[in-house]
Amino acid sequence: MASRVLIVDDLAFIKLIIKDTLEKTGFEVAGEASNGVEAIEQYKRLRPDIVLMDITMPKMDGIQALQEIVKIDPQAKVIMCSALGQQKLIIQSIQLGAKDFIVKPFKPERIVGAIKKALNMS
């Protein structure tokens, strides 16, 4: 059975790139969200194997959403996505329970590699 991924990003084209990459490499996109509030709702409803989440989003950022998801499920596997220059936020997200981070713009193999590593598939 394919691992199920929740994609969280406020930019539609980023979600499309990630979705395309995941589907080409055998992952199932369980759902998508555009902000932290939606991410939490989708996580509760879908219970994906892993979450790819942007840090900078409207309504609720990825750091706050990460904290809430980890409260719901301490075993949650979340990989944060961030632009260059957000080192403090990346470190904070790892301290709060993120399994890895991907710096934008990202390469398809980096996305797949981070997911496989977090799911112990490598």
Protein backbone atom coordinates (compact mmCIF):
# COMPACT_ATOMS: atom_id res chain seq x y z
CA MET A 1 0.00 0.00 0.00
CA ALA A 2 1.31 3.44 -0.93
CA SER A 3 2.26 5.85 1.85
CA ARG A 4 -0.32 8.63 2.20
CA VAL A 5 0.91 12.24 2.20
CA LEU A 6 -0.86 15.45 3.24
CA ILE A 7 0.48 18.49 1.35
CA VAL A 8 0.18 21.86 3.11
CA ASP A 9 1.14 25.05 1.27
CA ASP A 10 -0.67 28.29 0.51
CA LEU A 11 0.65 28.37 -3.06
CA ALA A 12 -1.33 26.24 -5.52
CA PHE A 13 1.59 25.77 -7.93
CA ILE A 14 3.82 24.43 -5.12
CA LYS A 15 1.13 21.90 -4.16
CA LEU A 16 0.86 20.90 -7.82
CA ILE A 17 4.64 20.37 -8.15
CA ILE A 18 4.76 18.30 -4.95
CA LYS A 19 1.68 16.28 -5.89
CA ASP A 20 3.10 15.50 -9.33
CA THR A 21 6.45 14.46 -7.83
CA LEU A 22 4.82 12.22 -5.21
CA GLU A 23 2.43 10.51 -7.61
CA LYS A 24 5.25 9.81 -10.09
CA THR A 25 7.24 8.10 -7.34
CA GLY A 26 4.46 5.90 -5.96
CA PHE A 27 3.11 7.95 -3.05
CA GLU A 28 -0.57 8.68 -2.56
CA VAL A 29 -1.64 12.28 -1.96
CA ALA A 30 -4.20 11.84 0.81
CA GLY A 31 -5.18 15.51 0.85
CA GLU A 32 -4.15 19.13 0.52
CA ALA A 33 -4.45 22.19 2.75
CA SER A 34 -3.67 25.89 2.23
CA ASN A 35 -3.01 27.01 5.81
CA GLY A 36 -2.35 25.66 9.29
CA VAL A 37 -6.02 25.58 10.32
CA GLU A 38 -6.90 23.42 7.30
CA ALA A 39 -3.82 21.26 7.92
CA ILE A 40 -5.01 20.35 11.42
CA GLU A 41 -8.54 19.61 10.20
CA GLN A 42 -7.20 17.45 7.35
CA TYR A 43 -4.77 15.64 9.65
CA LYS A 44 -7.56 14.71 12.06
CA ARG A 45 -9.80 13.54 9.23
CA LEU A 46 -7.28 11.77 6.99
CA ARG A 47 -4.58 10.53 9.38
CA PRO A 48 -1.87 10.57 6.67
CA ASP A 49 1.40 8.70 7.05
CA ILE A 50 3.33 11.93 6.62
CA VAL A 51 2.77 15.68 6.22
CA LEU A 52 4.76 18.06 3.99
CA MET A 53 4.09 21.53 5.42
CA ASP A 54 5.15 25.04 4.48
CA ILE A 55 6.21 27.27 7.37
CA THR A 56 4.92 30.62 6.10
CA MET A 57 1.13 30.56 5.52
CA PRO A 58 -1.90 32.74 6.27
CA LYS A 59 -4.35 32.18 9.19
CA MET A 60 -1.96 29.83 11.04
CA ASP A 61 1.66 29.20 10.13
CA GLY A 62 3.31 25.82 9.82
CA ILE A 63 5.05 26.03 13.21
CA GLN A 64 1.75 26.51 15.06
CA ALA A 65 0.09 23.77 13.00
CA LEU A 66 3.02 21.42 13.71
CA GLN A 67 2.56 21.98 17.45
CA GLU A 68 -1.16 21.18 17.22
CA ILE A 69 -0.65 18.09 15.06
CA VAL A 70 1.98 16.73 17.48
CA LYS A 71 -0.49 17.29 20.36
CA ILE A 72 -3.09 15.25 18.45
CA ASP A 73 -0.60 12.57 17.46
CA PRO A 74 2.82 12.52 19.17
CA GLN A 75 3.97 9.99 16.52
CA ALA A 76 3.09 12.32 13.62
CA LYS A 77 5.67 12.56 10.87
CA VAL A 78 5.91 16.12 9.60
CA ILE A 79 8.47 17.52 7.16
CA MET A 80 8.66 21.30 7.03
CA CYS A 81 9.24 23.29 3.84
CA SER A 82 10.86 26.69 3.99
CA ALA A 83 12.57 29.33 1.90
CA LEU A 84 16.26 30.00 2.36
CA GLY A 85 17.04 32.38 5.20
CA GLN A 86 14.57 30.92 7.70
CA GLN A 87 17.14 28.98 9.72
CA LYS A 88 15.64 29.98 13.11
CA LEU A 89 12.22 28.69 12.06
CA ILE A 90 13.72 25.47 10.70
CA ILE A 91 15.57 24.83 13.98
CA GLN A 92 12.43 25.66 15.97
CA SER A 93 10.33 23.25 13.91
CA ILE A 94 12.82 20.40 14.42
CA GLN A 95 12.81 21.09 18.18
CA LEU A 96 9.00 20.94 18.12
CA GLY A 97 8.96 17.54 16.47
CA ALA A 98 9.40 17.93 12.71
CA LYS A 99 11.30 14.98 11.23
CA ASP A 100 13.12 16.95 8.54
CA PHE A 101 12.99 20.10 6.46
CA ILE A 102 13.23 20.87 2.78
CA VAL A 103 14.50 24.23 1.55
CA LYS A 104 12.65 25.87 -1.34
CA PRO A 105 13.08 25.78 -4.24
CA PHE A 106 13.31 22.04 -3.83
CA LYS A 107 14.41 19.26 -6.08
CA PRO A 108 12.05 16.29 -6.56
CA GLU A 109 14.65 13.81 -5.29
CA ARG A 110 15.02 15.81 -2.05
CA ILE A 111 11.26 15.61 -1.40
CA VAL A 112 11.18 11.86 -2.02
CA GLY A 113 14.38 11.25 -0.05
CA ALA A 114 13.09 13.17 3.00
CA ILE A 115 9.80 11.26 2.98
CA LYS A 116 11.49 7.88 2.63
CA LYS A 117 13.89 8.73 5.44
CA ALA A 118 11.08 9.88 7.77
CA LEU A 119 9.09 6.71 7.01
CA ASN A 120 12.17 4.48 7.39
CA MET A 121 11.89 3.39 3.76
CA SER A 122 15.46 4.24 2.69
